Amino acid sequence: MDVIFNLLFTSPMGLLSLFAILFMIGMAIYLVSWYKRKMNDPDE
């Protein structure tokens, strides 16, 4: 397990993968909150 974390946090490819994973999680949280807000809006 240490080898995986070492590759993830030290190599350029690992850092890009980590950024992509975090970006997708953040985008999913944003979209879910946006959709919920749009569903609860009675004007649209």
C-alpha atoms as a PDB file:
ATOM      1  CA  MET A   1       0.000   0.000   0.000  1.00  0.00           C
ATOM      2  CA  ASP A   2       2.923   2.348   0.652  1.00  0.00           C
ATOM      3  CA  VAL A   3       4.112   1.904  -2.926  1.00  0.00           C
ATOM      4  CA  ILE A   4       0.714   2.975  -4.268  1.00  0.00           C
ATOM      5  CA  PHE A   5       0.590   6.113  -2.127  1.00  0.00           C
ATOM      6  CA  ASN A   6       4.217   6.881  -2.954  1.00  0.00           C
ATOM      7  CA  LEU A   7       3.454   6.726  -6.678  1.00  0.00           C
ATOM      8  CA  LEU A   8       0.237   8.698  -6.259  1.00  0.00           C
ATOM      9  CA  PHE A   9       1.798  11.600  -4.354  1.00  0.00           C
ATOM     10  CA  THR A  10       5.275  11.806  -5.870  1.00  0.00           C
ATOM     11  CA  SER A  11       5.112  11.001  -9.581  1.00  0.00           C
ATOM     12  CA  PRO A  12       3.724  13.531 -12.062  1.00  0.00           C
ATOM     13  CA  MET A  13       1.267  10.978 -13.453  1.00  0.00           C
ATOM     14  CA  GLY A  14       0.058  10.166  -9.947  1.00  0.00           C
ATOM     15  CA  LEU A  15      -0.485  13.834  -9.142  1.00  0.00           C
ATOM     16  CA  LEU A  16      -2.461  14.317 -12.365  1.00  0.00           C
ATOM     17  CA  SER A  17      -4.580  11.282 -11.498  1.00  0.00           C
ATOM     18  CA  LEU A  18      -5.182  12.607  -7.993  1.00  0.00           C
ATOM     19  CA  PHE A  19      -6.175  16.001  -9.387  1.00  0.00           C
ATOM     20  CA  ALA A  20      -8.551  14.363 -11.865  1.00  0.00           C
ATOM     21  CA  ILE A  21     -10.187  12.255  -9.149  1.00  0.00           C
ATOM     22  CA  LEU A  22     -10.631  15.244  -6.834  1.00  0.00           C
ATOM     23  CA  PHE A  23     -11.932  17.387  -9.692  1.00  0.00           C
ATOM     24  CA  MET A  24     -14.550  14.783 -10.632  1.00  0.00           C
ATOM     25  CA  ILE A  25     -15.708  14.420  -7.026  1.00  0.00           C
ATOM     26  CA  GLY A  26     -15.967  18.212  -6.686  1.00  0.00           C
ATOM     27  CA  MET A  27     -17.859  18.497  -9.965  1.00  0.00           C
ATOM     28  CA  ALA A  28     -20.288  15.769  -8.880  1.00  0.00           C
ATOM     29  CA  ILE A  29     -20.975  17.556  -5.573  1.00  0.00           C
ATOM     30  CA  TYR A  30     -21.540  20.841  -7.404  1.00  0.00           C
ATOM     31  CA  LEU A  31     -23.867  19.309  -9.992  1.00  0.00           C
ATOM     32  CA  VAL A  32     -25.950  17.454  -7.400  1.00  0.00           C
ATOM     33  CA  SER A  33     -26.426  20.642  -5.382  1.00  0.00           C
ATOM     34  CA  TRP A  34     -27.255  22.604  -8.560  1.00  0.00           C
ATOM     35  CA  TYR A  35     -29.809  20.024  -9.715  1.00  0.00           C
ATOM     36  CA  LYS A  36     -31.445  19.942  -6.287  1.00  0.00           C
ATOM     37  CA  ARG A  37     -31.690  23.725  -6.274  1.00  0.00           C
ATOM     38  CA  LYS A  38     -33.212  23.717  -9.780  1.00  0.00           C
ATOM     39  CA  MET A  39     -35.739  20.996  -8.873  1.00  0.00           C
ATOM     40  CA  ASN A  40     -36.933  22.946  -5.843  1.00  0.00           C
ATOM     41  CA  ASP A  41     -37.311  26.211  -7.791  1.00  0.00           C
ATOM     42  CA  PRO A  42     -41.038  26.660  -8.583  1.00  0.00           C
ATOM     43  CA  ASP A  43     -40.445  29.377 -11.218  1.00  0.00           C
ATOM     44  CA  GLU A  44     -38.895  27.068 -13.797  1.00  0.00           C
END
